[in-house]
C-alpha atoms as a PDB file:
ATOM      1  CA  MET A   1     168.424  89.904 -62.109  1.00  0.00           C
ATOM      2  CA  GLU A   2     169.186  89.904 -65.746  1.00  0.00           C
ATOM      3  CA  GLN A   3     169.555  94.077 -65.671  1.00  0.00           C
ATOM      4  CA  PHE A   4     171.654  93.599 -63.147  1.00  0.00           C
ATOM      5  CA  MET A   5     174.080  91.477 -64.349  1.00  0.00           C
ATOM      6  CA  LYS A   6     174.465  93.382 -67.788  1.00  0.00           C
ATOM      7  CA  ARG A   7     175.076  96.618 -65.645  1.00  0.00           C
ATOM      8  CA  GLU A   8     177.610  95.016 -64.111  1.00  0.00           C
ATOM      9  CA  GLN A   9     178.706  93.489 -67.539  1.00  0.00           C
ATOM     10  CA  LEU A  10     178.259  90.148 -66.263  1.00  0.00           C
ATOM     11  CA  SER A  11     177.762  87.090 -68.432  1.00  0.00           C
ATOM     12  CA  VAL A  12     173.749  86.394 -68.553  1.00  0.00           C
ATOM     13  CA  GLY A  13     174.251  82.935 -69.207  1.00  0.00           C
ATOM     14  CA  ASN A  14     176.226  82.268 -66.219  1.00  0.00           C
ATOM     15  CA  LEU A  15     174.054  80.145 -63.895  1.00  0.00           C
ATOM     16  CA  ALA A  16     176.274  79.687 -61.291  1.00  0.00           C
ATOM     17  CA  LYS A  17     176.750  83.897 -60.760  1.00  0.00           C
ATOM     18  CA  ARG A  18     173.298  84.580 -61.558  1.00  0.00           C
ATOM     19  CA  ASN A  19     172.459  81.892 -58.459  1.00  0.00           C
ATOM     20  CA  GLN A  20     175.132  83.561 -56.312  1.00  0.00           C
ATOM     21  CA  LEU A  21     173.598  86.895 -57.006  1.00  0.00           C
ATOM     22  CA  LEU A  22     170.047  85.798 -56.543  1.00  0.00           C
ATOM     23  CA  ARG A  23     170.571  84.025 -53.078  1.00  0.00           C
ATOM     24  CA  ALA A  24     172.920  87.110 -52.046  1.00  0.00           C
ATOM     25  CA  ALA A  25     169.910  89.632 -52.642  1.00  0.00           C
ATOM     26  CA  TYR A  26     167.623  87.405 -50.881  1.00  0.00           C
ATOM     27  CA  ASN A  27     169.509  87.462 -47.998  1.00  0.00           C
ATOM     28  CA  LEU A  28     169.912  90.959 -48.255  1.00  0.00           C
ATOM     29  CA  ALA A  29     166.405  91.681 -48.171  1.00  0.00           C
ATOM     30  CA  LEU A  30     166.033  89.147 -45.231  1.00  0.00           C
ATOM     31  CA  ASP A  31     168.608  90.657 -43.255  1.00  0.00           C
ATOM     32  CA  TYR A  32     166.759  94.104 -43.911  1.00  0.00           C
ATOM     33  CA  LYS A  33     163.319  92.788 -42.501  1.00  0.00           C
ATOM     34  CA  ALA A  34     165.188  91.159 -39.407  1.00  0.00           C
ATOM     35  CA  ALA A  35     166.680  94.494 -38.803  1.00  0.00           C
ATOM     36  CA  GLN A  36     163.746  96.358 -38.865  1.00  0.00           C
ATOM     37  CA  TYR A  37     162.921  94.693 -35.530  1.00  0.00           C
ATOM     38  CA  GLN A  38     165.335  96.769 -34.072  1.00  0.00           C
ATOM     39  CA  GLY A  39     163.792  99.645 -35.829  1.00  0.00           C
ATOM     40  CA  ASN A  40     163.023 100.925 -39.290  1.00  0.00           C
ATOM     41  CA  LYS A  41     166.043 103.840 -38.982  1.00  0.00           C
ATOM     42  CA  LYS A  42     168.537 101.281 -38.349  1.00  0.00           C
ATOM     43  CA  ALA A  43     167.482  98.934 -40.855  1.00  0.00           C
ATOM     44  CA  ARG A  44     167.555 101.190 -43.156  1.00  0.00           C
ATOM     45  CA  MET A  45     170.852 102.294 -42.255  1.00  0.00           C
ATOM     46  CA  LEU A  46     171.714  98.533 -42.590  1.00  0.00           C
ATOM     47  CA  LEU A  47     170.431  98.356 -46.220  1.00  0.00           C
ATOM     48  CA  LEU A  48     171.979 101.635 -47.293  1.00  0.00           C
ATOM     49  CA  ARG A  49     175.377 100.107 -46.126  1.00  0.00           C
ATOM     50  CA  LEU A  50     174.602  96.711 -47.631  1.00  0.00           C
ATOM     51  CA  GLN A  51     173.804  98.249 -50.765  1.00  0.00           C
ATOM     52  CA  GLN A  52     176.791 100.365 -50.784  1.00  0.00           C
ATOM     53  CA  HIS A  53     179.297  97.963 -49.777  1.00  0.00           C
ATOM     54  CA  ALA A  54     177.945  94.461 -50.540  1.00  0.00           C
ATOM     55  CA  PRO A  55     180.382  92.707 -52.700  1.00  0.00           C
ATOM     56  CA  LEU A  56     177.920  90.962 -54.539  1.00  0.00           C
ATOM     57  CA  VAL A  57     179.741  90.870 -58.111  1.00  0.00           C
ATOM     58  CA  ARG A  58     183.132  89.336 -56.728  1.00  0.00           C
ATOM     59  CA  TYR A  59     182.604  87.651 -53.595  1.00  0.00           C
ATOM     60  CA  GLN A  60     179.872  85.711 -51.369  1.00  0.00           C
ATOM     61  CA  TYR A  61     177.531  87.749 -49.216  1.00  0.00           C
ATOM     62  CA  ASP A  62     178.605  85.758 -45.951  1.00  0.00           C
ATOM     63  CA  ALA A  63     178.165  85.903 -42.223  1.00  0.00           C
ATOM     64  CA  ALA A  64     181.359  88.269 -41.697  1.00  0.00           C
ATOM     65  CA  PHE A  65     180.651  90.889 -44.136  1.00  0.00           C
ATOM     66  CA  VAL A  66     177.095  90.865 -42.356  1.00  0.00           C
ATOM     67  CA  ALA A  67     178.213  90.926 -38.865  1.00  0.00           C
ATOM     68  CA  LYS A  68     180.767  93.840 -39.925  1.00  0.00           C
ATOM     69  CA  MET A  69     177.692  95.767 -41.028  1.00  0.00           C
ATOM     70  CA  LEU A  70     175.761  95.145 -37.779  1.00  0.00           C
ATOM     71  CA  ASP A  71     178.636  96.576 -35.970  1.00  0.00           C
ATOM     72  CA  LYS A  72     178.728  99.660 -38.169  1.00  0.00           C
ATOM     73  CA  CYS A  73     174.914 100.504 -37.803  1.00  0.00           C
ATOM     74  CA  LYS A  74     174.948  99.165 -33.823  1.00  0.00           C
ATOM     75  CA  LEU A  75     172.544  96.577 -34.333  1.00  0.00           C
ATOM     76  CA  ASP A  76     172.403  94.085 -31.495  1.00  0.00           C
ATOM     77  CA  GLN A  77     173.667  90.817 -33.397  1.00  0.00           C
ATOM     78  CA  GLU A  78     172.439  88.253 -30.884  1.00  0.00           C
ATOM     79  CA  MET A  79     168.891  89.687 -31.445  1.00  0.00           C
ATOM     80  CA  PHE A  80     169.429  90.124 -35.180  1.00  0.00           C
ATOM     81  CA  TYR A  81     170.031  86.613 -35.656  1.00  0.00           C
ATOM     82  CA  GLU A  82     167.102  85.915 -33.293  1.00  0.00           C
ATOM     83  CA  ASP A  83     164.906  87.821 -35.498  1.00  0.00           C
ATOM     84  CA  ARG A  84     166.548  86.369 -38.842  1.00  0.00           C
ATOM     85  CA  GLN A  85     165.083  82.715 -37.846  1.00  0.00           C
ATOM     86  CA  ARG A  86     161.349  84.513 -37.243  1.00  0.00           C
ATOM     87  CA  SER A  87     159.131  83.050 -39.607  1.00  0.00           C
ATOM     88  CA  GLU A  88     157.284  86.447 -39.759  1.00  0.00           C
ATOM     89  CA  VAL A  89     160.847  87.664 -41.617  1.00  0.00           C
ATOM     90  CA  LYS A  90     160.325  85.485 -44.156  1.00  0.00           C
ATOM     91  CA  MET A  91     156.384  86.363 -44.489  1.00  0.00           C
ATOM     92  CA  GLY A  92     157.554  90.148 -44.665  1.00  0.00           C
ATOM     93  CA  PHE A  93     159.605  89.362 -47.369  1.00  0.00           C
ATOM     94  CA  ASP A  94     156.760  87.809 -49.302  1.00  0.00           C
ATOM     95  CA  SER A  95     154.355  90.616 -48.667  1.00  0.00           C
ATOM     96  CA  ASP A  96     156.741  92.764 -50.318  1.00  0.00           C
ATOM     97  CA  GLN A  97     157.325  90.773 -53.402  1.00  0.00           C
ATOM     98  CA  ARG A  98     153.434  90.711 -53.661  1.00  0.00           C
ATOM     99  CA  THR A  99     153.132  94.419 -53.452  1.00  0.00           C
ATOM    100  CA  ALA A 100     156.013  95.207 -55.898  1.00  0.00           C
ATOM    101  CA  ASN A 101     154.187  92.475 -58.377  1.00  0.00           C
ATOM    102  CA  GLN A 102     150.750  94.430 -57.733  1.00  0.00           C
ATOM    103  CA  MET A 103     152.337  97.446 -58.388  1.00  0.00           C
ATOM    104  CA  GLY A 104     154.107  96.045 -61.671  1.00  0.00           C
ATOM    105  CA  ILE A 105     157.596  97.047 -60.484  1.00  0.00           C
ATOM    106  CA  THR A 106     159.576  95.287 -63.154  1.00  0.00           C
ATOM    107  CA  GLN A 107     162.755  97.762 -63.438  1.00  0.00           C
ATOM    108  CA  THR A 108     165.508  98.407 -60.847  1.00  0.00           C
ATOM    109  CA  PRO A 109     166.149 100.586 -59.132  1.00  0.00           C
ATOM    110  CA  SER A 110     162.548 101.722 -58.457  1.00  0.00           C
ATOM    111  CA  LEU A 111     161.016 104.170 -55.954  1.00  0.00           C
ATOM    112  CA  VAL A 112     157.520 104.149 -54.658  1.00  0.00           C
ATOM    113  CA  ILE A 113     156.531 107.352 -53.243  1.00  0.00           C
ATOM    114  CA  VAL A 114     153.261 107.233 -51.142  1.00  0.00           C
ATOM    115  CA  ASP A 115     151.076 110.297 -50.328  1.00  0.00           C
ATOM    116  CA  THR A 116     150.550 108.746 -46.462  1.00  0.00           C
ATOM    117  CA  ASP A 117     147.846 112.060 -45.888  1.00  0.00           C
ATOM    118  CA  ARG A 118     145.531 110.440 -48.079  1.00  0.00           C
ATOM    119  CA  LYS A 119     143.625 107.259 -47.261  1.00  0.00           C
ATOM    120  CA  VAL A 120     145.241 103.610 -48.682  1.00  0.00           C
ATOM    121  CA  ASP A 121     142.432 103.458 -51.178  1.00  0.00           C
ATOM    122  CA  ASP A 122     142.437 106.929 -52.711  1.00  0.00           C
ATOM    123  CA  GLY A 123     145.532 105.601 -54.853  1.00  0.00           C
ATOM    124  CA  HIS A 124     147.946 108.125 -54.326  1.00  0.00           C
ATOM    125  CA  ALA A 125     151.161 106.504 -54.958  1.00  0.00           C
ATOM    126  CA  VAL A 126     153.766 107.465 -57.553  1.00  0.00           C
ATOM    127  CA  LEU A 127     156.111 104.843 -59.213  1.00  0.00           C
ATOM    128  CA  ILE A 128     159.336 105.909 -60.614  1.00  0.00           C
ATOM    129  CA  GLU A 129     161.552 103.071 -62.538  1.00  0.00           C
ATOM    130  CA  GLN A 130     164.873 102.918 -63.604  1.00  0.00           C
ATOM    131  CA  ILE A 131     166.449 105.709 -61.184  1.00  0.00           C
ATOM    132  CA  GLY A 132     169.706 105.909 -62.676  1.00  0.00           C
ATOM    133  CA  ASP A 133     170.829 109.675 -61.704  1.00  0.00           C
ATOM    134  CA  PRO A 134     171.349 110.125 -57.819  1.00  0.00           C
ATOM    135  CA  ALA A 135     170.456 113.791 -58.284  1.00  0.00           C
ATOM    136  CA  LEU A 136     167.010 112.953 -59.158  1.00  0.00           C
ATOM    137  CA  ILE A 137     166.115 112.002 -55.367  1.00  0.00           C
ATOM    138  CA  PRO A 138     166.545 115.776 -53.880  1.00  0.00           C
ATOM    139  CA  HIS A 139     164.798 117.066 -57.016  1.00  0.00           C
ATOM    140  CA  LEU A 140     161.500 114.894 -56.103  1.00  0.00           C
ATOM    141  CA  CYS A 141     162.060 115.861 -52.392  1.00  0.00           C
ATOM    142  CA  ASP A 142     161.591 119.484 -53.621  1.00  0.00           C
ATOM    143  CA  LEU A 143     158.744 118.645 -55.648  1.00  0.00           C
ATOM    144  CA  ILE A 144     156.859 117.093 -53.123  1.00  0.00           C
ATOM    145  CA  ARG A 145     157.900 119.708 -50.646  1.00  0.00           C
ATOM    146  CA  THR A 146     156.661 122.747 -52.939  1.00  0.00           C
ATOM    147  CA  ASP A 147     153.452 121.099 -54.163  1.00  0.00           C
ATOM    148  CA  PRO A 148     152.374 117.986 -52.652  1.00  0.00           C
ATOM    149  CA  ALA A 149     148.934 117.495 -54.023  1.00  0.00           C
ATOM    150  CA  GLY A 150     150.161 118.187 -57.697  1.00  0.00           C
ATOM    151  CA  PHE A 151     153.104 115.797 -57.689  1.00  0.00           C
ATOM    152  CA  PHE A 152     150.680 112.880 -56.673  1.00  0.00           C
ATOM    153  CA  THR A 153     148.385 113.864 -59.622  1.00  0.00           C
ATOM    154  CA  GLU A 154     150.813 115.361 -62.546  1.00  0.00           C
ATOM    155  CA  ARG A 155     153.979 114.198 -63.915  1.00  0.00           C
ATOM    156  CA  PRO A 156     156.746 116.490 -63.535  1.00  0.00           C
ATOM    157  CA  GLU A 157     158.679 117.832 -66.363  1.00  0.00           C
ATOM    158  CA  ASN A 158     161.203 115.732 -67.469  1.00  0.00           C
ATOM    159  CA  MET A 159     160.195 112.554 -65.829  1.00  0.00           C
ATOM    160  CA  GLY A 160     158.960 110.845 -69.205  1.00  0.00           C
ATOM    161  CA  SER A 161     157.484 107.331 -69.243  1.00  0.00           C
ATOM    162  CA  ASN A 162     159.532 105.985 -65.787  1.00  0.00           C
ATOM    163  CA  PHE A 163     156.998 108.186 -63.857  1.00  0.00           C
ATOM    164  CA  ARG A 164     153.645 106.527 -63.099  1.00  0.00           C
ATOM    165  CA  ILE A 165     150.832 107.395 -60.913  1.00  0.00           C
ATOM    166  CA  PHE A 166     148.625 105.085 -59.706  1.00  0.00           C
END
């Protein structure tokens, strides 16, 4: 949260703002997990919209804002709010947090790419931290498309220490 506050030029010592942002981030994550019950594609669309439009810095992350985003993503609101109360949503969030902790993710934004053609135990995954340049994503996709085996075993040029194979 400290990184985010610095990036947004907010006072890191402002505990009220920090708590507001933490609550908003937590609710955003739970909303994403609840939306997954209506399909991963819709959930990803919701997550992207929430991240793009979330007024986290200036306003409260509130039910009216979420309802508007649910409509835009064509999610069933009644089902969403039922799913949002499920204990599995919180358990899914907790599981994601444990996974991020096990992977050693400490920076945001971070991206994990897993080679799903291999067994999970093989450890073919890549962690890329502090993705500041949006143009990097299409570049990574091209690298994976042209040489998937090499991508998961060798560090691409110009990636520096933000690229970790595990």
